[in-house]
Protein backbone atom coordinates (compact mmCIF):
# COMPACT_ATOMS: atom_id res chain seq x y z
CA MET A 1 -0.31 0.23 0.03
CA MET A 2 1.59 3.64 -0.72
CA LYS A 3 1.81 5.99 2.24
CA LEU A 4 0.18 9.69 2.21
CA TYR A 5 1.80 12.54 2.69
CA LYS A 6 0.18 16.20 3.38
CA LEU A 7 0.85 17.52 0.27
CA PHE A 8 -1.89 20.97 0.76
CA THR A 9 -4.05 22.01 3.08
CA LEU A 10 -6.88 24.78 3.65
CA SER A 11 -4.59 25.61 6.69
CA ALA A 12 -1.39 26.68 4.14
CA SER A 13 0.00 24.29 6.02
CA LEU A 14 4.07 23.96 4.44
CA PHE A 15 6.47 21.00 3.59
CA LEU A 16 9.69 20.61 2.80
CA LEU A 17 11.89 19.55 -0.31
CA VAL A 18 15.45 17.97 0.34
CA ALA A 19 17.78 18.20 -2.60
CA LEU A 20 20.62 18.40 -0.72
CA SER A 21 21.72 18.03 2.40
CA GLY A 22 23.29 22.00 1.83
CA CYS A 23 25.47 24.22 3.70
CA SER A 24 24.13 25.85 6.90
CA LYS A 25 25.63 29.17 5.83
CA GLU A 26 24.20 32.06 4.87
CA GLU A 27 24.97 33.45 1.69
CA ASP A 28 24.14 37.32 1.43
CA ALA A 29 25.61 38.17 -1.67
CA PHE A 30 26.40 36.33 -4.81
CA THR A 31 29.58 37.75 -5.80
CA THR A 32 31.23 34.81 -3.34
CA LEU A 33 29.10 32.18 -5.14
CA PRO A 34 31.57 28.71 -4.91
CA ASP A 35 32.68 27.02 -8.12
CA GLY A 36 30.18 24.51 -9.78
CA GLY A 37 27.06 26.86 -7.75
CA LEU A 38 25.58 27.72 -4.24
CA PRO A 39 23.55 24.22 -3.26
CA LEU A 40 20.33 24.79 -2.81
CA THR A 41 17.94 23.64 -0.02
CA LEU A 42 14.20 24.19 -1.83
CA LYS A 43 11.00 24.86 0.69
CA VAL A 44 7.24 24.97 -1.06
CA THR A 45 3.94 25.65 0.54
CA SER A 46 0.76 25.44 -1.66
CA ASP A 47 -2.16 28.18 -1.62
CA ASN A 48 -5.20 26.90 -0.72
CA TYR A 49 -8.72 26.07 -3.22
CA VAL A 50 -10.77 29.39 -2.16
CA SER A 51 -14.50 29.51 -2.08
CA ALA A 52 -15.84 30.22 -5.79
CA ASN A 53 -19.06 32.36 -3.34
CA THR A 54 -18.76 34.90 -1.42
CA VAL A 55 -20.07 32.95 1.64
CA GLU A 56 -17.05 30.03 2.78
CA THR A 57 -18.33 26.28 2.55
CA ARG A 58 -18.35 23.60 4.57
CA ILE A 59 -15.22 22.50 2.85
CA VAL A 60 -13.48 24.66 4.95
CA GLU A 61 -14.49 23.47 8.54
CA GLU A 62 -13.71 20.29 7.55
CA GLY A 63 -10.09 20.75 7.19
CA TYR A 64 -9.92 19.68 3.51
CA THR A 65 -6.53 17.93 2.57
CA THR A 66 -4.50 16.60 -0.43
CA ARG A 67 -1.75 14.19 -0.29
CA PHE A 68 0.88 12.84 -2.47
CA THR A 69 1.51 9.56 -2.51
CA SER A 70 5.11 7.84 -2.63
CA GLY A 71 6.57 7.79 -6.35
CA ASP A 72 5.25 10.84 -7.56
CA GLU A 73 7.16 13.30 -9.54
CA ILE A 74 7.25 17.02 -8.73
CA GLY A 75 9.47 18.99 -11.29
CA VAL A 76 12.13 21.85 -11.44
CA LEU A 77 12.93 23.83 -13.95
CA GLN A 78 16.32 25.87 -13.72
CA ILE A 79 16.73 29.38 -16.25
CA THR A 80 20.52 29.75 -16.57
CA PRO A 81 20.69 32.72 -18.67
CA SER A 82 23.05 33.75 -21.96
CA SER A 83 26.75 34.27 -20.52
CA GLY A 84 27.57 35.94 -23.94
CA ASN A 85 26.00 38.24 -26.30
CA GLY A 86 23.49 36.25 -28.62
CA GLY A 87 23.22 33.03 -26.90
CA GLU A 88 20.76 31.61 -25.12
CA ALA A 89 19.73 30.73 -22.01
CA VAL A 90 20.11 27.35 -21.04
CA SER A 91 17.33 25.11 -19.47
CA LYS A 92 18.14 22.14 -16.99
CA ASN A 93 14.20 20.01 -16.09
CA TYR A 94 14.70 18.17 -12.82
CA ARG A 95 12.65 15.92 -11.64
CA PHE A 96 12.05 15.00 -7.79
CA THR A 97 10.92 11.89 -6.91
CA LEU A 98 8.61 10.86 -2.81
CA ASP A 99 10.64 8.28 -1.87
CA ASP A 100 8.00 5.40 0.90
CA GLU A 101 10.22 7.90 4.07
CA GLY A 102 8.10 10.83 2.33
CA ASN A 103 11.83 12.42 1.40
CA TRP A 104 12.09 13.52 -2.28
CA THR A 105 15.63 12.60 -3.72
CA GLY A 106 16.52 13.77 -7.31
CA VAL A 107 20.01 15.76 -8.86
CA PRO A 108 21.12 18.47 -6.16
CA LEU A 109 20.47 22.19 -6.92
CA SER A 110 23.50 24.09 -7.33
CA HIS A 111 22.87 27.91 -7.73
CA LYS A 112 24.21 30.86 -10.29
CA GLN A 113 24.07 33.98 -10.31
CA GLY A 114 20.83 34.95 -12.11
CA ASP A 115 19.55 31.91 -12.41
CA GLU A 116 15.34 31.27 -12.37
CA TYR A 117 13.17 28.22 -11.31
CA ILE A 118 10.38 27.86 -12.32
CA VAL A 119 8.40 24.68 -9.76
CA TYR A 120 5.64 22.60 -11.25
CA TYR A 121 3.14 19.14 -10.71
CA PRO A 122 2.72 17.09 -12.19
CA TYR A 123 6.25 16.03 -13.66
CA THR A 124 7.18 16.23 -17.71
CA SER A 125 9.63 15.81 -19.22
CA VAL A 126 10.79 19.44 -20.87
CA SER A 127 13.37 20.86 -21.90
CA SER A 128 12.58 24.26 -21.80
CA LYS A 129 10.44 27.39 -20.48
CA GLU A 130 8.55 27.69 -23.68
CA GLU A 131 8.16 23.62 -23.81
CA LEU A 132 7.09 23.65 -19.86
CA GLU A 133 4.74 27.06 -20.85
CA THR A 134 2.52 24.69 -23.28
CA TYR A 135 2.59 21.78 -21.30
CA LEU A 136 0.58 23.76 -18.77
CA ALA A 137 -1.78 25.55 -21.11
CA SER A 138 -2.41 22.37 -22.90
CA PHE A 139 -2.62 20.01 -19.12
CA GLU A 140 -6.36 18.10 -19.01
CA PRO A 141 -7.47 17.28 -15.97
CA ARG A 142 -7.97 13.18 -15.95
CA LEU A 143 -11.45 12.43 -17.17
CA ASN A 144 -11.72 9.17 -14.80
CA GLN A 145 -10.76 10.32 -11.33
CA ALA A 146 -11.75 7.77 -9.20
CA THR A 147 -8.70 6.26 -7.75
CA TYR A 148 -6.78 9.07 -5.41
CA GLU A 149 -3.37 9.12 -7.56
CA ASP A 150 -5.82 10.03 -11.03
CA TYR A 151 -7.64 12.96 -8.73
CA THR A 152 -4.48 14.08 -7.14
CA LYS A 153 -2.39 13.74 -10.66
CA SER A 154 -5.02 16.18 -12.14
CA ASP A 155 -3.77 18.55 -9.45
CA LEU A 156 -1.66 20.69 -11.64
CA MET A 157 0.08 23.43 -9.84
CA LYS A 158 3.17 25.70 -10.45
CA GLY A 159 5.25 28.78 -8.65
CA GLU A 160 8.06 30.71 -9.01
CA GLY A 161 10.79 29.85 -7.06
CA LEU A 162 12.38 33.00 -5.09
CA VAL A 163 16.27 32.44 -3.76
CA SER A 164 16.68 33.96 -0.12
CA GLY A 165 20.25 32.98 1.15
CA THR A 166 20.90 28.80 0.90
CA THR A 167 16.68 28.11 0.24
CA LEU A 168 14.54 28.83 -2.87
CA ASN A 169 11.25 29.41 -1.93
CA VAL A 170 8.29 28.40 -4.09
CA ASN A 171 4.68 28.78 -3.93
CA LEU A 172 2.47 26.26 -5.39
CA GLU A 173 -0.59 27.83 -7.62
CA HIS A 174 -3.51 25.64 -8.31
CA GLN A 175 -3.96 25.73 -11.96
CA MET A 176 -7.60 23.70 -12.06
CA ALA A 177 -10.50 24.50 -10.94
CA LEU A 178 -12.32 22.07 -8.54
CA ILE A 179 -16.06 20.59 -8.06
CA VAL A 180 -17.19 19.63 -4.35
CA ILE A 181 -20.37 17.79 -4.61
CA GLU A 182 -22.03 16.47 -1.35
CA VAL A 183 -24.71 13.69 -0.98
CA PRO A 184 -26.79 13.69 1.30
CA LEU A 185 -28.17 10.38 1.08
CA GLY A 186 -29.20 6.91 2.36
CA LYS A 187 -29.03 8.21 5.85
CA CYS A 188 -31.98 9.44 7.89
CA ALA A 189 -31.88 13.52 9.69
CA THR A 190 -33.51 14.72 12.36
CA THR A 191 -35.36 18.12 11.74
CA LYS A 192 -35.73 21.39 14.54
CA ASP A 193 -39.47 20.11 14.57
CA GLY A 194 -38.71 16.68 15.66
CA LYS A 195 -39.98 14.83 13.00
CA VAL A 196 -37.17 12.32 11.11
CA LYS A 197 -36.20 12.37 7.60
CA TYR A 198 -35.96 9.00 6.40
CA HIS A 199 -35.14 6.61 3.78
CA PRO A 200 -37.43 3.33 3.16
CA ALA A 201 -35.93 0.43 3.70
CA THR A 202 -36.51 -0.15 0.08
CA THR A 203 -33.45 2.15 -0.78
CA VAL A 204 -29.81 1.83 -0.94
CA LEU A 205 -28.34 2.67 2.02
CA GLY A 206 -24.96 4.24 2.94
CA ALA A 207 -23.49 5.84 0.30
CA PRO A 208 -25.23 5.70 -3.51
CA ALA A 209 -23.73 3.40 -5.80
CA PHE A 210 -23.38 6.01 -8.41
CA SER A 211 -23.27 5.36 -12.60
CA TRP A 212 -21.46 8.33 -14.34
CA GLU A 213 -21.59 9.18 -18.07
CA GLU A 214 -18.65 10.86 -20.59
CA GLY A 215 -15.98 8.68 -18.68
CA LYS A 216 -16.22 11.25 -15.69
CA ILE A 217 -15.80 9.67 -12.63
CA PRO A 218 -15.26 11.78 -9.21
CA TYR A 219 -12.77 10.65 -6.69
CA GLN A 220 -14.80 9.79 -3.47
CA THR A 221 -13.52 10.64 -0.05
CA SER A 222 -13.07 9.11 3.35
CA ASP A 223 -16.49 10.36 3.86
CA GLU A 224 -18.44 8.40 1.84
CA ARG A 225 -21.02 11.43 1.25
CA ILE A 226 -17.78 14.07 -0.73
CA LEU A 227 -16.68 13.82 -3.99
CA ARG A 228 -14.68 15.77 -5.80
CA TYR A 229 -13.41 16.39 -9.33
CA ILE A 230 -10.91 18.69 -10.80
CA ILE A 231 -11.58 19.91 -13.86
CA LYS A 232 -10.60 23.04 -16.38
CA PRO A 233 -10.48 26.76 -15.44
CA ASP A 234 -12.52 29.01 -17.63
CA ALA A 235 -14.59 26.38 -19.76
CA ASP A 236 -17.57 25.57 -19.31
CA PHE A 237 -18.12 21.65 -17.72
CA SER A 238 -21.05 19.31 -16.74
CA LEU A 239 -20.96 15.89 -14.76
CA LYS A 240 -23.65 13.26 -15.30
CA GLY A 241 -24.91 10.57 -13.85
CA SER A 242 -27.29 8.67 -11.58
CA TYR A 243 -28.01 6.48 -9.00
CA PRO A 244 -30.85 4.40 -7.21
CA TYR A 245 -33.43 6.67 -5.72
CA TYR A 246 -36.75 5.34 -2.99
CA ILE A 247 -38.53 3.03 -6.53
CA GLY A 248 -36.17 3.44 -9.69
CA THR A 249 -33.34 5.29 -10.68
CA ARG A 250 -32.28 9.73 -10.46
CA LYS A 251 -30.50 11.10 -12.99
CA PHE A 252 -29.17 14.61 -12.21
CA ASP A 253 -26.45 16.96 -14.41
CA ILE A 254 -23.83 19.07 -12.77
CA ALA A 255 -23.46 22.33 -14.82
CA ALA A 256 -20.81 24.59 -14.51
CA ALA A 257 -19.69 27.82 -16.60
CA ALA A 258 -16.86 28.90 -17.61
CA SER A 259 -17.38 32.31 -15.90
CA ASP A 260 -17.79 30.35 -12.54
CA ALA A 261 -14.99 27.57 -13.16
CA SER A 262 -12.03 29.94 -12.33
CA ALA A 263 -8.71 28.44 -11.35
CA LYS A 264 -7.74 28.32 -7.40
CA HIS A 265 -11.21 27.96 -7.04
CA TYR A 266 -13.62 25.50 -5.91
CA LEU A 267 -17.37 24.66 -6.57
CA PHE A 268 -19.84 23.80 -3.91
CA TYR A 269 -22.61 21.66 -4.81
CA THR A 270 -25.34 19.26 -2.96
CA LEU A 271 -27.25 16.56 -4.69
CA ASP A 272 -30.99 16.65 -4.08
CA GLU A 273 -31.04 19.99 -2.39
CA GLY A 274 -33.93 21.33 -0.92
CA VAL A 275 -35.52 17.74 -2.59
CA GLU A 276 -37.63 16.37 0.33
CA PRO A 277 -37.96 11.93 1.15
CA PRO A 278 -41.04 10.76 0.38
CA GLY A 279 -41.62 9.80 3.93
CA SER A 280 -41.48 11.32 7.36
CA ARG A 281 -42.50 10.27 11.24
CA ASP A 282 -41.39 11.07 14.70
CA VAL A 283 -38.31 9.15 15.91
CA GLN A 284 -39.26 6.30 17.46
CA VAL A 285 -37.93 3.79 19.86
CA GLY A 286 -35.54 0.98 18.31
CA ASP A 287 -34.64 3.31 15.58
CA TYR A 288 -30.70 3.23 15.33
CA TYR A 289 -28.54 5.69 16.00
CA MET A 290 -25.45 6.56 13.46
CA SER A 291 -21.89 8.02 14.74
CA ASP A 292 -22.38 10.79 12.40
CA GLY A 293 -26.01 12.10 14.62
CA THR A 294 -27.91 10.88 12.26
CA ILE A 295 -30.91 7.98 12.01
CA LEU A 296 -32.28 4.49 10.39
CA PRO A 297 -35.74 3.57 11.15
CA GLY A 298 -35.69 0.64 13.19
CA ASP A 299 -37.59 -1.88 10.79
CA VAL A 300 -34.60 -1.26 7.77
CA ALA A 301 -33.52 -4.82 6.62
CA SER A 302 -29.84 -4.12 7.69
CA VAL A 303 -28.04 -1.54 9.55
CA PRO A 304 -24.56 -0.50 8.10
CA GLU A 305 -21.11 0.22 10.16
CA GLY A 306 -20.89 3.28 12.11
CA CYS A 307 -24.05 2.46 14.37
CA ILE A 308 -23.14 2.86 18.31
CA GLY A 309 -26.85 3.26 19.80
CA ILE A 310 -30.49 2.77 19.70
CA VAL A 311 -33.25 5.19 20.83
CA PHE A 312 -35.10 3.78 23.58
CA GLN A 313 -37.21 6.97 24.44
CA ALA A 314 -38.50 9.47 22.33
CA ASP A 315 -40.72 11.20 24.71
CA ALA A 316 -39.66 14.73 25.49
CA GLU A 317 -41.81 14.50 28.83
CA ARG A 318 -39.66 11.62 30.14
CA MET A 319 -36.84 14.58 29.32
CA SER A 320 -34.64 16.54 32.57
CA ALA A 321 -35.12 20.33 32.21
CA ASP A 322 -31.95 20.22 32.22
CA GLU A 323 -31.52 18.06 28.70
CA LEU A 324 -34.58 20.14 26.95
CA ALA A 325 -32.50 23.60 28.70
CA GLN A 326 -29.70 22.41 26.03
CA GLY A 327 -32.12 21.57 22.93
CA TRP A 328 -31.80 17.64 23.46
CA THR A 329 -35.25 17.63 22.66
CA HIS A 330 -35.48 14.80 20.29
CA GLY A 331 -34.98 11.49 22.69
CA CYS A 332 -32.30 9.33 24.59
CA VAL A 333 -29.98 6.28 22.97
CA MET A 334 -28.29 3.60 24.98
CA ALA A 335 -25.03 2.83 23.60
CA LEU A 336 -24.28 -0.80 22.09
CA THR A 337 -20.62 -1.87 24.47
CA ASN A 338 -20.34 -1.63 27.93
CA ALA A 339 -18.25 0.99 29.07
CA GLY A 340 -16.49 -0.93 31.65
CA LYS A 341 -16.79 -2.99 34.48
CA ASP A 342 -16.08 -3.84 37.53
CA SER A 343 -16.27 -0.37 38.88
CA LYS A 344 -17.37 1.32 41.97
CA TRP A 345 -19.94 3.77 42.39
CA GLY A 346 -18.29 6.69 44.68
CA LYS A 347 -17.98 7.23 48.44
CA ALA A 348 -20.69 6.40 51.10
CA ALA A 349 -22.10 9.33 52.04
CA THR A 350 -24.77 10.94 50.32
CA GLU A 351 -23.63 13.26 47.24
CA GLY A 352 -26.58 15.26 48.27
CA ASP A 353 -24.69 17.36 50.37
CA GLY A 354 -22.24 19.01 48.15
CA GLU A 355 -23.46 22.68 46.98
CA ASN A 356 -26.17 22.63 44.17
CA SER A 357 -25.51 19.61 44.33
CA PRO A 358 -28.69 17.43 41.98
CA PHE A 359 -28.11 14.07 44.68
CA ALA A 360 -30.65 16.49 46.82
CA GLU A 361 -33.85 13.29 46.50
CA HIS A 362 -33.79 10.15 46.43
CA ALA A 363 -35.30 7.59 44.67
CA SER A 364 -36.70 5.61 47.23
CA THR A 365 -40.24 4.38 45.44
CA TYR A 366 -41.41 3.14 43.15
CA LYS A 367 -43.04 6.28 41.53
CA GLY A 368 -39.69 8.15 42.63
CA MET A 369 -37.89 6.02 40.52
CA TYR A 370 -39.72 6.21 37.81
CA GLN A 371 -39.86 10.14 37.66
CA GLU A 372 -36.00 9.76 38.53
CA THR A 373 -34.78 11.14 34.43
CA GLY A 374 -31.58 13.08 35.61
CA GLY A 375 -28.99 10.93 34.37
CA TYR A 376 -27.36 13.55 32.19
CA VAL A 377 -26.77 16.56 35.51
CA LYS A 378 -25.77 14.10 38.51
CA THR A 379 -23.16 12.49 35.39
CA LYS A 380 -21.67 16.33 34.72
CA TYR A 381 -21.73 16.39 38.78
CA MET A 382 -19.82 14.02 39.82
CA VAL A 383 -17.28 14.43 36.73
CA ASP A 384 -17.14 17.97 37.54
CA THR A 385 -16.62 17.46 41.20
CA TYR A 386 -14.04 14.40 40.85
CA GLY A 387 -12.97 14.15 37.93
CA ASP A 388 -9.41 15.93 38.54
CA GLU A 389 -8.93 13.91 41.89
CA ALA A 390 -6.06 11.21 41.80
CA THR A 391 -8.61 8.33 42.69
CA PHE A 392 -11.37 9.57 40.59
CA GLN A 393 -10.76 5.58 38.47
CA ASP A 394 -10.72 3.76 41.66
CA VAL A 395 -13.03 5.54 43.90
CA ASN A 396 -16.29 6.53 41.42
CA GLY A 397 -14.68 4.03 38.16
CA ALA A 398 -18.45 4.10 37.11
CA PHE A 399 -18.85 7.81 36.37
CA TYR A 400 -14.24 7.30 35.12
CA GLN A 401 -15.48 4.34 32.75
CA VAL A 402 -18.21 6.59 31.55
CA SER A 403 -16.47 9.98 30.92
CA GLN A 404 -13.86 7.70 28.88
CA TYR A 405 -16.42 6.11 26.59
CA GLY A 406 -15.95 6.87 22.96
CA GLU A 407 -12.01 9.08 23.62
CA THR A 408 -9.93 6.13 24.14
CA ALA A 409 -8.32 4.37 21.30
CA ALA A 410 -11.12 0.87 21.55
CA THR A 411 -13.56 3.00 21.65
CA THR A 412 -13.35 5.96 19.95
CA SER A 413 -15.99 4.34 17.20
CA TYR A 414 -18.57 5.41 19.61
CA LYS A 415 -17.44 8.65 19.80
CA ALA A 416 -20.77 10.65 20.72
CA PRO A 417 -21.44 12.72 17.95
CA ALA A 418 -21.40 16.78 18.66
CA GLY A 419 -24.59 18.61 18.99
CA THR A 420 -26.03 15.76 22.12
CA SER A 421 -25.43 15.53 25.82
CA GLY A 422 -22.24 13.40 25.48
CA TRP A 423 -22.81 9.70 27.13
CA TYR A 424 -23.59 10.16 30.37
CA LEU A 425 -24.47 6.93 32.94
CA PRO A 426 -28.50 7.02 32.65
CA SER A 427 -30.85 7.24 35.93
CA ILE A 428 -32.62 4.74 37.48
CA GLY A 429 -35.64 6.61 35.43
CA GLN A 430 -33.85 6.15 32.59
CA TRP A 431 -32.95 2.27 33.11
CA TRP A 432 -37.01 1.78 33.77
CA ASP A 433 -37.51 3.48 30.24
CA ILE A 434 -35.08 1.04 28.27
CA PHE A 435 -36.63 -2.09 30.08
CA GLU A 436 -40.36 -0.71 29.33
CA ASN A 437 -39.98 0.43 25.52
CA LEU A 438 -36.13 -1.41 24.33
CA GLY A 439 -36.88 -4.58 25.85
CA GLU A 440 -41.01 -4.62 26.41
CA ALA A 441 -41.47 -5.53 29.74
CA LYS A 442 -45.45 -4.67 30.11
CA GLY A 443 -45.24 -5.60 34.06
CA LEU A 444 -43.68 -2.12 34.62
CA ALA A 445 -46.29 0.26 33.71
CA ALA A 446 -48.40 -0.49 36.91
CA LEU A 447 -46.03 0.49 39.15
CA ARG A 448 -45.42 3.74 37.70
CA ASP A 449 -47.94 5.60 40.06
CA SER A 450 -46.40 3.56 42.75
CA GLY A 451 -45.89 5.14 46.64
CA THR A 452 -44.27 2.09 48.31
CA THR A 453 -40.94 2.09 49.03
CA SER A 454 -38.77 -0.24 48.30
CA SER A 455 -34.95 -1.05 47.67
CA ASN A 456 -35.08 -2.86 44.77
CA ILE A 457 -38.08 -3.80 41.85
CA ALA A 458 -38.56 -7.22 41.69
CA ILE A 459 -40.64 -8.08 38.78
CA SER A 460 -40.87 -12.27 37.32
CA LEU A 461 -41.98 -12.37 33.85
CA SER A 462 -43.89 -14.86 32.72
CA GLY A 463 -43.76 -15.60 29.22
CA GLU A 464 -41.43 -12.40 27.85
CA SER A 465 -37.91 -12.08 28.09
CA VAL A 466 -36.79 -8.24 28.90
CA LEU A 467 -33.10 -9.53 28.52
CA GLU A 468 -33.70 -11.42 24.88
CA THR A 469 -35.54 -8.86 23.40
CA LEU A 470 -32.88 -6.35 24.19
CA ASN A 471 -30.43 -8.62 23.43
CA THR A 472 -31.68 -9.80 19.47
CA CYS A 473 -31.54 -5.27 18.94
CA LEU A 474 -28.37 -5.07 19.94
CA LYS A 475 -27.35 -8.13 17.92
CA ALA A 476 -29.14 -6.13 14.65
CA ALA A 477 -27.66 -3.01 14.87
CA SER A 478 -24.22 -4.65 15.61
CA SER A 479 -22.50 -7.86 15.17
CA SER A 480 -19.86 -5.68 18.32
CA ALA A 481 -22.78 -5.28 20.33
CA ASP A 482 -21.91 -6.04 23.99
CA GLU A 483 -25.15 -7.96 24.99
CA PHE A 484 -26.40 -7.97 28.32
CA GLU A 485 -25.85 -10.92 30.57
CA SER A 486 -28.04 -12.94 32.71
CA SER A 487 -28.04 -12.06 36.46
CA LYS A 488 -25.04 -9.39 36.23
CA ASN A 489 -25.83 -6.47 37.73
CA TYR A 490 -25.44 -2.40 35.52
CA TRP A 491 -24.70 0.63 37.68
CA SER A 492 -27.41 3.99 37.58
CA SER A 493 -26.54 7.22 38.60
CA SER A 494 -29.34 7.48 40.87
CA GLU A 495 -28.85 7.48 45.06
CA HIS A 496 -31.34 4.96 46.94
CA ASN A 497 -31.56 6.16 50.33
CA ARG A 498 -29.49 6.20 53.68
CA ASN A 499 -29.27 2.89 56.20
CA ASN A 500 -29.60 2.99 59.47
CA LYS A 501 -25.48 3.69 59.68
CA GLY A 502 -25.10 6.67 57.40
CA LEU A 503 -24.28 4.57 54.93
CA VAL A 504 -25.99 5.87 51.16
CA TYR A 505 -26.74 3.08 48.58
CA ALA A 506 -27.27 4.00 44.57
CA HIS A 507 -29.60 1.32 42.48
CA SER A 508 -28.63 -0.59 40.38
CA VAL A 509 -30.17 -3.23 37.98
CA SER A 510 -30.11 -6.28 36.24
CA LEU A 511 -32.15 -9.38 34.44
CA THR A 512 -32.91 -12.98 34.00
CA THR A 513 -34.42 -14.48 31.10
CA THR A 514 -37.47 -14.62 33.34
CA SER A 515 -37.08 -11.70 35.53
CA LEU A 516 -36.12 -8.28 36.38
CA THR A 517 -34.54 -6.37 39.72
CA THR A 518 -32.91 -3.56 40.62
CA THR A 519 -31.05 -3.45 43.80
CA GLY A 520 -29.54 -0.90 46.01
CA ALA A 521 -25.80 -1.55 46.42
CA THR A 522 -23.98 -0.07 48.67
CA LYS A 523 -21.65 2.35 46.38
CA ALA A 524 -18.34 2.17 47.91
CA SER A 525 -18.05 -1.77 48.71
CA ASN A 526 -19.64 -2.92 45.04
CA SER A 527 -18.00 -3.16 42.19
CA ASN A 528 -18.58 -5.90 40.19
CA ARG A 529 -21.21 -4.39 38.50
CA ARG A 530 -20.83 -3.05 34.01
CA VAL A 531 -21.68 0.10 33.21
CA ARG A 532 -23.50 0.79 29.74
CA CYS A 533 -23.67 4.72 29.05
CA VAL A 534 -27.02 7.08 27.74
CA LEU A 535 -27.34 9.90 25.72
CA SER A 536 -29.93 12.20 24.28
CA PHE A 537 -29.95 14.44 21.68
């Protein structure tokens, strides 16, 4: 596999082409040039493509980059003026090749007074400035830019070299124009009104399977929804294609006028911009939550890679005031995997004594458990209060593991999307919703308004298995999901009450194939409990 090396970015990063290790001294006057010329180090920067519109598009925010690959070749044309009357300038065209270590190799450059330099990409064999100008003027981007090599070798660049001391400085400028295409297809997107625009299960999920006309094929970036195609500037351009769309095929024709396609600029297009999918509905329990914050309906035939959770609650009235104040009004998502296991909850005493503590009220009745939906604010309080302490991981292990979920190398694919609450430890009321809504535990509904004080809920399930129902959902979402383990306890973020010894319990939950149980556990001594995160969006 070829290694990739950064060529240019929208932040105008630098890279060095070392033609020779060179001299370390500075030569301010070329009257003292050594015989044979002064060895030079070549330093290259590059301009960025800029928007052809007055308002920058999201391409800038994405940190768009292009890279050289090993084996790429750059040209340096050195032009030495005539040394006598009637003589002609002497041109030498040098080729530098990028090796697997990211170093440029080629014939060393030696500078003589009056020498001029033109640096360009991609390399070609020319013997004079006139030949190079002809090459640049007649350059055509490749029709098929599907591979990264074909895409980058369509990106003609040129720069004039200026010598300063022992350095030849060159700023490469793009000579072509760029078409950027966004494809907002194949996944659902939550709208401001709480609805979900979605594709039915009959639609192609993920990136569309394009068919292209006239041999013009764009480069599909690592973000499958972004395509790029380099075009000749100052000329009319058309890119035609089609893709599966619900029932049948949808065609498109992206056209750019010569007056819009100017060198060094990009034009941004969104396929089907403003076109609504043929259906909408509310977010529903069982929908799949993707890593980019989009939603897939729970009835899709298969779930593509990128799913990070399952919606277990879609009722704004079951969300806390803290969540609603942040604009998270659509629902809550249960993570597909555990954040950790064998963790303690915290210190023995109540957390209700702290200033502005959200633990002042304990969920010690069935009704209190059901109404306790403050997992977000409780987790935030614990992380903010104890996160900087050296004992955080040991004493407050459940909250530590939550704070690390999506941030470590092992869990980075589950990172919570921007604009959400981030992952937190569910409250006992949110576990209630997971069991009743996603796990279909029908027996819980009768207990919602019960004022009976209890340290636990123990329900024998007849003819139903919440454990099996939840695990069926998890297996459908991803083969990498952690299924719930029978008789294993999972922490909640809710305290229960204080016993006669002054110890405060925290709620945990467990399942078997025939039962559902919540249990008050001593926070400081119980460490055989798992951690499963949720988020709000």
